Protein backbone atom coordinates (compact mmCIF):
# COMPACT_ATOMS: atom_id res chain seq x y z
CA PRO A 1 -70.41 86.51 -71.11
CA VAL A 2 -68.32 84.48 -73.51
CA THR A 3 -65.61 86.14 -75.62
CA LEU A 4 -66.00 85.64 -79.35
CA ASP A 5 -62.75 85.24 -81.25
CA ARG A 6 -64.30 84.92 -84.74
CA PRO A 7 -67.32 83.36 -86.36
CA ALA A 8 -66.99 79.78 -87.55
CA THR A 9 -67.20 79.78 -91.34
CA VAL A 10 -66.97 77.16 -94.12
CA GLY A 11 -63.29 76.20 -94.20
CA ASP A 12 -62.69 77.62 -90.72
CA GLY A 13 -64.77 75.58 -88.32
CA ILE A 14 -67.66 74.54 -90.59
CA ILE A 15 -67.39 71.52 -92.88
CA ARG A 16 -69.15 71.47 -96.23
CA VAL A 17 -69.87 67.87 -97.24
CA ALA A 18 -69.07 67.23 -100.90
CA GLY A 19 -71.82 65.71 -103.05
CA GLU A 20 -69.96 62.44 -103.59
CA GLU A 21 -69.53 61.96 -99.81
CA ARG A 22 -73.24 62.11 -98.99
CA GLU A 23 -74.01 58.53 -100.05
CA SER A 24 -71.14 56.96 -98.11
CA LEU A 25 -71.94 58.99 -94.98
CA ALA A 26 -75.61 58.00 -95.18
CA ALA A 27 -74.51 54.36 -95.52
CA LEU A 28 -72.34 54.68 -92.38
CA HIS A 29 -75.34 56.02 -90.53
CA ASP A 30 -77.59 53.21 -91.80
CA GLU A 31 -75.10 50.63 -90.55
CA ALA A 32 -75.12 52.18 -87.05
CA ALA A 33 -78.91 52.53 -87.03
CA LYS A 34 -79.39 48.91 -88.08
CA ALA A 35 -77.18 47.86 -85.14
CA GLY A 36 -79.55 49.64 -82.76
CA ARG A 37 -77.20 52.52 -81.83
CA CYS A 38 -79.56 55.41 -82.63
CA LEU A 39 -82.09 57.20 -80.46
CA LYS A 40 -83.97 60.46 -81.02
CA PHE A 41 -84.22 62.97 -78.15
CA VAL A 42 -86.83 65.74 -78.46
CA PRO A 43 -87.04 68.59 -75.95
CA ALA A 44 -90.81 69.04 -75.77
CA SER A 45 -91.39 70.53 -72.29
CA GLY A 46 -91.85 74.10 -73.43
CA ALA A 47 -95.33 75.62 -73.35
CA ALA A 48 -96.57 77.42 -76.46
CA THR A 49 -97.09 80.78 -74.69
CA ARG A 50 -94.76 82.76 -76.92
CA MET A 51 -96.31 81.21 -80.02
CA PHE A 52 -99.69 82.72 -79.12
CA ARG A 53 -98.37 85.97 -77.71
CA GLU A 54 -100.02 88.14 -80.37
CA TRP A 55 -103.40 86.44 -80.04
CA HIS A 56 -103.16 86.67 -76.26
CA GLY A 57 -102.67 90.41 -76.59
CA VAL A 58 -105.75 90.68 -78.82
CA PHE A 59 -107.81 88.66 -76.38
CA ASN A 60 -106.66 90.70 -73.40
CA ARG A 61 -107.46 93.96 -75.20
CA GLY A 62 -111.00 92.78 -75.84
CA GLY A 63 -110.65 91.98 -79.51
CA PHE A 64 -108.96 92.99 -82.77
CA GLU A 65 -108.15 96.68 -83.14
CA SER A 66 -109.72 96.92 -86.61
CA HIS A 67 -112.11 95.00 -88.77
CA LYS A 68 -109.28 94.63 -91.30
CA ASP A 69 -107.17 92.82 -88.68
CA PHE A 70 -110.08 90.53 -87.87
CA GLU A 71 -110.69 89.77 -91.54
CA ALA A 72 -107.02 88.78 -91.98
CA PHE A 73 -107.32 86.46 -88.98
CA ALA A 74 -110.64 84.97 -90.18
CA ALA A 75 -109.40 84.47 -93.73
CA ASN A 76 -106.56 82.24 -92.51
CA LEU A 77 -108.48 80.24 -89.90
CA SER A 78 -109.29 77.34 -92.21
CA ARG A 79 -105.60 77.00 -93.14
CA TYR A 80 -104.68 75.91 -89.60
CA ALA A 81 -104.66 72.17 -88.93
CA PHE A 82 -106.67 72.73 -85.74
CA TYR A 83 -109.59 74.20 -87.73
CA GLY A 84 -111.63 70.99 -87.56
CA ASP A 85 -111.16 70.67 -83.79
CA LEU A 86 -112.12 74.33 -83.35
CA ASP A 87 -115.27 73.80 -85.36
CA ALA A 88 -116.15 70.76 -83.26
CA ALA A 89 -115.45 72.53 -79.96
CA LEU A 90 -117.68 75.44 -80.96
CA SER A 91 -120.46 73.09 -82.13
CA GLY A 92 -120.25 71.22 -78.83
CA ALA A 93 -120.84 74.48 -76.99
CA GLY A 94 -123.80 75.42 -79.18
CA HIS A 95 -121.94 77.84 -81.48
CA ASP A 96 -121.48 77.91 -85.22
CA LEU A 97 -118.00 78.82 -86.43
CA GLY A 98 -119.23 80.38 -89.67
CA ASP A 99 -121.79 82.45 -87.78
CA LEU A 100 -119.15 83.78 -85.33
CA VAL A 101 -116.90 84.74 -88.26
CA ALA A 102 -119.76 86.44 -90.08
CA ARG A 103 -120.61 88.44 -86.96
CA GLY A 104 -116.97 89.45 -86.40
CA ARG A 105 -116.73 87.73 -83.02
CA GLY A 106 -112.91 87.58 -82.92
CA ARG A 107 -112.54 87.55 -79.15
CA GLU A 108 -114.97 84.67 -78.81
CA LEU A 109 -113.09 82.66 -81.44
CA LEU A 110 -109.81 83.33 -79.66
CA ASP A 111 -111.40 82.33 -76.36
CA PHE A 112 -112.16 78.89 -77.82
CA ILE A 113 -108.65 78.56 -79.33
CA LEU A 114 -106.66 79.73 -76.32
CA ASN A 115 -108.67 78.87 -73.22
CA ASP A 116 -110.06 75.83 -71.49
CA LYS A 117 -113.59 76.23 -72.81
CA GLY A 118 -112.21 75.11 -76.17
CA LEU A 119 -108.85 73.87 -77.45
CA HIS A 120 -106.86 75.33 -74.54
CA TYR A 121 -103.90 75.95 -76.86
CA ALA A 122 -102.44 78.66 -74.62
CA TRP A 123 -101.86 76.01 -71.96
CA LYS A 124 -100.78 73.12 -74.15
CA PRO A 125 -97.17 72.39 -75.11
CA LYS A 126 -96.22 72.59 -78.79
CA ALA A 127 -95.99 68.82 -78.83
CA LEU A 128 -99.82 68.59 -78.57
CA LEU A 129 -100.69 71.31 -81.08
CA GLN A 130 -101.94 70.22 -84.47
CA PHE A 131 -99.32 71.36 -86.96
CA HIS A 132 -100.13 69.74 -90.32
CA GLN A 133 -103.28 68.74 -92.16
CA TYR A 134 -103.39 65.50 -94.18
CA ASP A 135 -106.24 63.96 -96.20
CA ASP A 136 -107.17 61.58 -93.39
CA ARG A 137 -106.33 63.54 -90.23
CA ALA A 138 -104.45 66.43 -88.68
CA ARG A 139 -101.06 65.64 -87.08
CA THR A 140 -99.58 67.11 -83.95
CA ALA A 141 -95.91 68.05 -83.72
CA LEU A 142 -95.36 64.98 -81.56
CA GLU A 143 -96.83 62.68 -84.19
CA GLU A 144 -94.60 64.21 -86.89
CA HIS A 145 -91.55 63.40 -84.77
CA LEU A 146 -92.62 59.76 -84.50
CA VAL A 147 -92.91 59.57 -88.27
CA GLU A 148 -89.55 61.28 -88.85
CA ALA A 149 -87.76 59.09 -86.31
CA ALA A 150 -89.00 55.96 -88.07
CA LEU A 151 -87.27 57.14 -91.24
CA TYR A 152 -83.70 57.21 -89.76
CA ALA A 153 -83.58 55.86 -86.22
CA LYS A 154 -85.08 52.35 -86.42
CA ASP A 155 -82.87 49.31 -86.02
CA GLY A 156 -82.65 46.12 -88.07
CA SER A 157 -85.61 44.58 -86.25
CA GLY A 158 -87.82 47.64 -86.77
CA LEU A 159 -87.41 48.99 -83.23
CA CYS A 160 -87.39 52.78 -83.12
CA ARG A 161 -86.37 54.53 -79.90
CA ILE A 162 -87.46 58.09 -79.16
CA HIS A 163 -87.45 60.13 -75.97
CA PHE A 164 -89.52 63.24 -75.24
CA THR A 165 -88.93 65.56 -72.31
CA VAL A 166 -92.24 66.98 -71.08
CA SER A 167 -93.37 69.19 -68.19
CA GLU A 168 -95.16 67.43 -65.35
CA GLU A 169 -98.46 69.19 -66.00
CA HIS A 170 -98.50 67.89 -69.61
CA LEU A 171 -97.32 64.35 -68.88
CA GLU A 172 -100.78 62.75 -68.80
CA PRO A 173 -102.10 64.47 -71.94
CA VAL A 174 -98.93 63.43 -73.78
CA LYS A 175 -99.35 59.82 -72.58
CA ASP A 176 -102.99 59.96 -73.66
CA LEU A 177 -102.09 61.10 -77.17
CA LEU A 178 -99.35 58.48 -77.48
CA GLY A 179 -101.80 55.81 -76.32
CA ARG A 180 -104.18 56.80 -79.10
CA VAL A 181 -101.78 57.19 -82.02
CA THR A 182 -98.70 54.98 -81.47
CA GLY A 183 -100.33 51.82 -82.82
CA LEU A 184 -101.62 53.70 -85.83
CA TYR A 185 -98.13 54.81 -86.84
CA GLU A 186 -96.51 51.46 -85.97
CA ASN A 187 -98.87 49.76 -88.42
CA ARG A 188 -98.48 52.41 -91.07
CA LEU A 189 -94.65 52.59 -90.86
CA GLY A 190 -93.86 48.96 -90.01
CA VAL A 191 -91.94 49.83 -86.85
CA HIS A 192 -92.27 49.27 -83.12
CA PHE A 193 -91.77 52.40 -81.03
CA GLU A 194 -89.95 52.37 -77.70
CA ILE A 195 -91.00 55.78 -76.34
CA GLY A 196 -89.41 57.32 -73.25
CA LEU A 197 -90.86 60.27 -71.37
CA SER A 198 -89.10 62.29 -68.68
CA ILE A 199 -89.88 65.46 -66.76
CA GLN A 200 -87.66 68.50 -66.45
CA SER A 201 -86.71 68.47 -62.76
CA GLU A 202 -88.39 71.19 -60.67
CA SER A 203 -85.21 71.54 -58.69
CA THR A 204 -83.76 73.38 -61.70
CA ASP A 205 -86.59 75.99 -61.78
CA THR A 206 -85.68 79.66 -61.25
CA ILE A 207 -87.77 82.65 -60.11
CA ALA A 208 -89.05 84.97 -62.86
CA VAL A 209 -88.80 88.76 -62.64
CA ASP A 210 -90.39 91.60 -64.59
CA LEU A 211 -88.40 93.96 -66.78
CA GLU A 212 -87.59 96.07 -63.67
CA ASN A 213 -86.13 92.96 -61.97
CA ARG A 214 -89.00 92.74 -59.46
CA PRO A 215 -90.29 89.23 -58.66
CA PHE A 216 -93.15 88.57 -61.09
CA ARG A 217 -96.56 87.47 -59.78
CA ASP A 218 -99.23 85.79 -61.87
CA ARG A 219 -102.92 86.72 -62.03
CA ASP A 220 -103.52 84.94 -58.73
CA GLY A 221 -100.70 86.83 -57.00
CA ARG A 222 -98.37 83.84 -56.84
CA LEU A 223 -94.67 84.10 -57.49
CA LEU A 224 -93.76 82.55 -60.81
CA PHE A 225 -91.05 79.92 -61.01
CA ARG A 226 -89.97 78.91 -64.51
CA PRO A 227 -88.04 75.90 -65.76
CA GLY A 228 -84.33 76.72 -65.91
CA GLY A 229 -84.17 76.57 -69.69
CA HIS A 230 -83.11 73.75 -71.98
CA GLY A 231 -79.85 73.39 -70.02
CA ALA A 232 -81.85 71.59 -67.32
CA LEU A 233 -82.45 68.83 -69.87
CA LEU A 234 -78.85 67.73 -69.61
CA TYR A 235 -79.96 65.64 -66.62
CA ASN A 236 -82.65 64.02 -68.77
CA LEU A 237 -80.13 63.34 -71.55
CA ASP A 238 -77.71 61.89 -69.00
CA GLY A 239 -80.41 59.58 -67.71
CA ILE A 240 -81.24 57.80 -70.97
CA ASP A 241 -79.58 54.59 -72.13
CA GLY A 242 -78.30 56.02 -75.39
CA ASP A 243 -75.33 55.71 -77.70
CA ILE A 244 -75.84 57.94 -80.76
CA VAL A 245 -78.47 60.53 -79.87
CA PHE A 246 -80.18 62.82 -82.38
CA ILE A 247 -81.43 66.06 -80.80
CA LYS A 248 -84.03 68.23 -82.49
CA ASN A 249 -86.57 70.76 -81.22
CA ILE A 250 -90.27 69.84 -81.09
CA ASP A 251 -91.33 72.67 -83.43
CA ASN A 252 -88.83 72.02 -86.25
CA ILE A 253 -90.80 69.52 -88.27
CA VAL A 254 -92.26 69.31 -91.79
CA PRO A 255 -95.07 67.42 -93.51
CA ASP A 256 -94.29 64.08 -95.17
CA ARG A 257 -93.88 65.65 -98.63
CA LEU A 258 -90.77 67.56 -97.41
CA LYS A 259 -89.19 64.96 -95.10
CA ASP A 260 -86.73 63.45 -97.64
CA THR A 261 -84.20 66.29 -97.40
CA THR A 262 -84.41 66.37 -93.63
CA VAL A 263 -83.87 62.62 -93.35
CA LEU A 264 -80.94 62.63 -95.80
CA TYR A 265 -79.09 65.24 -93.80
CA LYS A 266 -79.90 63.51 -90.52
CA LYS A 267 -78.11 60.46 -91.99
CA ILE A 268 -75.21 62.61 -93.26
CA LEU A 269 -74.70 64.07 -89.78
CA GLY A 270 -75.04 60.64 -88.20
CA GLY A 271 -72.60 59.09 -90.66
CA TYR A 272 -70.10 61.87 -90.10
CA LEU A 273 -70.23 61.21 -86.36
CA VAL A 274 -69.85 57.44 -86.79
CA GLY A 275 -66.76 57.83 -89.05
CA LEU A 276 -65.12 60.44 -86.86
CA GLN A 277 -65.89 58.47 -83.70
CA ARG A 278 -64.22 55.38 -85.18
CA GLU A 279 -61.02 57.35 -85.76
CA LEU A 280 -61.23 58.92 -82.30
CA PHE A 281 -61.77 55.53 -80.61
CA GLY A 282 -58.88 54.04 -82.62
CA HIS A 283 -56.49 56.69 -81.27
CA LEU A 284 -57.81 56.24 -77.71
CA GLN A 285 -57.38 52.47 -77.96
CA ALA A 286 -53.79 52.96 -79.10
CA LEU A 287 -53.08 55.49 -76.35
CA SER A 288 -54.61 53.24 -73.67
CA GLU A 289 -51.86 50.67 -74.28
CA ARG A 290 -49.09 51.43 -71.80
CA ALA A 291 -46.59 50.61 -74.53
CA ALA A 292 -47.90 53.47 -76.69
CA GLY A 293 -44.89 55.28 -78.12
CA GLU A 294 -44.06 58.48 -79.95
CA SER A 295 -45.74 57.39 -83.17
CA ALA A 296 -49.11 56.79 -81.44
CA ILE A 297 -48.84 60.09 -79.61
CA GLY A 298 -47.82 61.97 -82.75
CA ALA A 299 -50.71 60.51 -84.69
CA ALA A 300 -53.18 61.38 -81.95
CA VAL A 301 -51.84 64.96 -81.71
CA ARG A 302 -52.33 65.45 -85.45
CA PHE A 303 -55.83 63.97 -85.32
CA ALA A 304 -56.77 66.21 -82.38
CA ALA A 305 -55.63 69.32 -84.21
CA ASP A 306 -56.85 68.48 -87.72
CA ARG A 307 -60.18 66.73 -87.06
CA LEU A 308 -61.30 68.03 -83.68
CA SER A 309 -59.79 71.56 -83.58
CA CYS A 310 -58.43 70.47 -80.22
CA ALA A 311 -55.76 72.64 -78.55
CA LEU A 312 -53.22 70.86 -76.37
CA PRO A 313 -52.47 72.07 -72.84
CA PRO A 314 -49.61 74.56 -72.32
CA GLY A 315 -46.20 72.94 -71.97
CA PHE A 316 -47.40 69.66 -73.54
CA GLU A 317 -44.31 69.14 -75.69
CA GLY A 318 -41.94 69.40 -72.73
CA ARG A 319 -43.59 66.64 -70.73
CA SER A 320 -42.50 63.02 -70.46
CA LEU A 321 -43.98 60.43 -72.80
CA GLU A 322 -46.19 58.99 -70.06
CA GLU A 323 -47.46 62.46 -69.08
CA ARG A 324 -48.26 63.24 -72.70
CA ARG A 325 -50.04 59.92 -73.13
CA GLN A 326 -52.23 60.58 -70.09
CA ALA A 327 -52.86 64.21 -71.10
CA LEU A 328 -53.97 63.14 -74.57
CA ILE A 329 -56.35 60.52 -73.19
CA GLY A 330 -57.83 63.16 -70.91
CA LYS A 331 -58.17 65.58 -73.83
CA LEU A 332 -59.64 63.08 -76.31
CA ASN A 333 -61.86 60.92 -74.11
CA ARG A 334 -64.98 63.09 -73.99
CA PRO A 335 -68.39 63.20 -75.69
CA LEU A 336 -68.56 64.08 -79.38
CA ARG A 337 -71.22 66.10 -81.17
CA VAL A 338 -71.75 66.86 -84.84
CA CYS A 339 -73.98 69.90 -85.27
CA GLY A 340 -75.79 70.92 -88.43
CA MET A 341 -75.41 74.65 -89.26
CA VAL A 342 -77.62 76.62 -91.64
CA LYS A 343 -76.65 79.68 -93.69
CA ASN A 344 -77.70 82.83 -91.87
CA GLU A 345 -80.82 84.30 -93.43
CA GLY A 346 -81.85 86.51 -90.56
CA GLU A 347 -83.64 83.90 -88.41
CA PRO A 348 -83.23 84.47 -84.65
CA GLY A 349 -81.09 82.01 -82.78
CA GLY A 350 -77.58 81.13 -81.70
CA GLY A 351 -74.62 80.71 -83.99
CA PRO A 352 -71.34 78.82 -84.44
CA PHE A 353 -68.26 80.67 -83.19
CA TRP A 354 -64.66 80.23 -82.16
CA VAL A 355 -64.69 81.25 -78.49
CA ALA A 356 -61.60 82.41 -76.63
CA GLY A 357 -60.78 80.32 -73.57
CA LYS A 358 -59.00 81.38 -70.37
CA ASN A 359 -55.72 79.77 -71.42
CA GLY A 360 -55.57 81.65 -74.73
CA SER A 361 -56.84 78.74 -76.85
CA CYS A 362 -60.07 78.80 -78.90
CA SER A 363 -62.80 76.22 -79.13
CA LEU A 364 -65.87 75.77 -81.34
CA GLN A 365 -69.05 76.67 -79.47
CA ILE A 366 -72.73 77.32 -80.20
CA VAL A 367 -73.37 80.77 -78.73
CA GLU A 368 -76.69 82.52 -77.95
CA GLU A 369 -77.00 86.25 -78.41
CA VAL A 370 -77.69 86.75 -74.69
CA GLN A 371 -74.25 85.24 -73.94
CA VAL A 372 -72.44 88.06 -75.75
CA ASP A 373 -71.66 91.45 -74.20
CA LYS A 374 -71.96 93.58 -77.33
CA SER A 375 -70.74 96.67 -75.51
CA ARG A 376 -67.25 95.13 -75.28
CA GLY A 377 -64.78 95.98 -78.05
CA ASN A 378 -65.43 94.11 -81.29
CA GLN A 379 -67.99 91.66 -79.89
CA ALA A 380 -71.05 93.27 -81.57
CA ALA A 381 -69.25 93.30 -84.94
CA LEU A 382 -68.15 89.66 -84.57
CA TRP A 383 -71.69 88.59 -83.68
CA ALA A 384 -73.11 90.42 -86.69
CA SER A 385 -70.55 88.84 -89.04
CA SER A 386 -71.70 85.27 -88.42
CA THR A 387 -72.41 83.46 -91.73
CA HIS A 388 -74.41 80.57 -90.19
CA PHE A 389 -76.78 79.92 -87.31
CA ASN A 390 -77.78 77.01 -85.10
CA PRO A 391 -81.02 75.22 -86.10
CA VAL A 392 -80.63 72.74 -83.20
CA ASP A 393 -79.78 69.73 -85.35
CA LEU A 394 -77.31 67.71 -83.28
CA VAL A 395 -75.99 64.17 -83.31
CA CYS A 396 -74.26 63.23 -80.06
CA GLY A 397 -71.96 60.35 -79.20
CA ILE A 398 -72.41 59.88 -75.45
CA ARG A 399 -70.37 56.69 -74.90
CA ASP A 400 -66.61 56.38 -74.59
CA PHE A 401 -64.24 54.12 -76.52
CA ARG A 402 -64.87 51.29 -74.06
CA GLY A 403 -68.63 51.57 -74.57
CA ARG A 404 -69.31 53.21 -71.21
CA LYS A 405 -71.74 56.12 -70.83
CA PHE A 406 -70.05 59.45 -70.14
CA ASP A 407 -71.07 61.39 -67.04
CA LEU A 408 -72.27 64.41 -69.00
CA GLU A 409 -72.26 66.73 -65.99
CA ARG A 410 -68.45 66.58 -66.01
CA PHE A 411 -68.32 68.52 -69.31
CA VAL A 412 -70.51 71.51 -68.41
CA ASP A 413 -69.15 75.08 -68.21
CA ALA A 414 -71.14 76.13 -65.14
CA GLU A 415 -70.28 79.81 -65.66
CA GLN A 416 -72.37 80.01 -68.85
CA VAL A 417 -75.73 80.84 -67.19
CA PHE A 418 -77.74 83.55 -68.96
CA ILE A 419 -80.88 85.69 -68.69
CA SER A 420 -83.62 85.35 -71.31
CA THR A 421 -86.84 87.27 -72.02
CA LYS A 422 -90.05 85.23 -72.02
CA SER A 423 -93.78 85.80 -72.07
CA HIS A 424 -96.33 84.84 -69.40
CA GLU A 425 -100.06 85.68 -69.55
CA GLY A 426 -99.18 88.20 -72.25
CA CYS A 427 -96.54 89.95 -70.09
CA ASP A 428 -92.79 90.18 -70.75
CA ILE A 429 -90.68 88.60 -68.02
CA LYS A 430 -87.01 87.76 -67.49
CA ALA A 431 -85.81 84.31 -66.54
CA LEU A 432 -82.44 83.00 -65.31
CA GLU A 433 -81.44 79.96 -67.38
CA LEU A 434 -78.89 77.25 -66.77
CA PRO A 435 -76.07 76.85 -69.31
CA GLY A 436 -77.99 75.98 -72.49
CA LEU A 437 -78.17 72.29 -73.44
CA TRP A 438 -76.19 72.88 -76.69
CA ASN A 439 -74.32 75.90 -75.25
CA GLY A 440 -72.54 75.80 -71.91
CA SER A 441 -73.84 72.33 -71.04
CA MET A 442 -71.79 70.92 -73.92
CA ALA A 443 -68.99 73.46 -73.82
CA ASN A 444 -66.34 70.80 -73.08
CA TRP A 445 -67.45 68.26 -75.69
CA HIS A 446 -65.68 67.66 -78.97
CA THR A 447 -67.61 69.86 -81.40
CA VAL A 448 -67.83 69.60 -85.18
CA PHE A 449 -70.00 71.86 -87.35
CA VAL A 450 -71.37 70.62 -90.69
CA GLU A 451 -73.29 72.80 -93.10
CA VAL A 452 -76.89 71.68 -93.77
CA PRO A 453 -79.41 73.27 -96.17
CA VAL A 454 -81.94 75.81 -94.90
CA GLU A 455 -84.70 73.42 -96.08
CA THR A 456 -84.02 71.32 -92.98
CA PHE A 457 -84.96 74.24 -90.69
CA ASN A 458 -88.68 74.98 -90.45
CA PRO A 459 -89.41 76.13 -86.89
CA VAL A 460 -92.79 77.26 -85.58
CA LYS A 461 -92.09 80.15 -83.21
CA THR A 462 -95.30 82.09 -83.83
CA ILE A 463 -98.75 80.97 -84.93
CA ASP A 464 -98.17 82.69 -88.30
CA ASP A 465 -95.31 80.24 -89.03
CA LEU A 466 -97.89 77.50 -89.54
CA LEU A 467 -99.13 79.46 -92.56
CA ARG A 468 -95.71 79.22 -94.28
CA PRO A 469 -95.74 76.99 -97.40
CA THR A 470 -93.51 74.45 -95.62
CA HIS A 471 -96.27 73.78 -93.07
CA GLN A 472 -99.20 73.75 -95.48
CA PRO A 473 -100.58 70.63 -97.30
């Protein structure tokens, strides 16, 4: 477990951007985007099993427990963007949706939503689920990410680069969808998409266990191996030819009518990274000159402390000028991330904290609840006192001051593995996960937290979330 020192708060680890700064930061971002520096990276390999957990349970029990429960389900069916496809699937099999609803055939309806006789949503990844209904068509989560990327990641020639990580079993269906819709959105948005797809490596999979820590077997009696969590995606991130990379989860997306706020704050985060990176690179350029003297070192020390919350190694002041120069280069020359943080309103998820290191210093980290041993001292109280949480809204600078790609594996804290609870075929299981992509995998990056409004965070963790106003037409 990690040791929390204190929560990051506005003024102590979290930056609140003043109103008058927003325009200049957005302009900085636009300049970098125009030059072709931006790429969007969307982890989309997760299956939607947890999203349909409740409906799975109903199906496995043979139906809804009461007519009232069924009526609530039936009343909302037409509000889901997949309603048209469900109607078509039922018609194709000789059924009438209205008739099944009238006869209270809840299990049959769920069968066509969840299983392969119909929409097969229990198997599909969130990327392929229809999230939002428009006048002309329903849009999947993947399509919404294409549209959003075009609004802040395209370059001066209209090229927009976006990369999705997908699981191997979903690769062909994702390619099929992209083949059908990419041209449609290119014409509509006046862009050309350069879309990358990569698979989470099976070599990072771990064995799943039940809640009694016994190896879990699926319905066919086979041992279940699960992907090693989003930390495994570091290898995918490391493999792309990126510069400034925007990371956002596949399920955190809104309809067009709400995209303006999201796009503005993407640009604010991007602009903040560009400005900070310029300063950082300036200091590294100065330090890389062998003639760098006390003034260059002093300026870099102040910058490290004031702008990057960067603690210097013990005994730094007593070292020779050349040793200090080299130590500062080693300390400063690493990837940079600017992470949006939302005010805590009770949503589940990790949070921004000052974490105590082994040498007595503290660093800013995104921490998941499973990483904290709440039975130790004040750790439970510190966790509960967090004012903000992590919506997974990151902008990452993955090149050094000479323009070379960082080897991202060098900056992982390999000790930050953790155990998470998941769902498979309606059963609770435990899975061992690699250091999370934005947790231990980026533990040794420069980290800056910037407050963003809650309007930018609209995740779909359960099927009911699609009924929230932010996901309705």
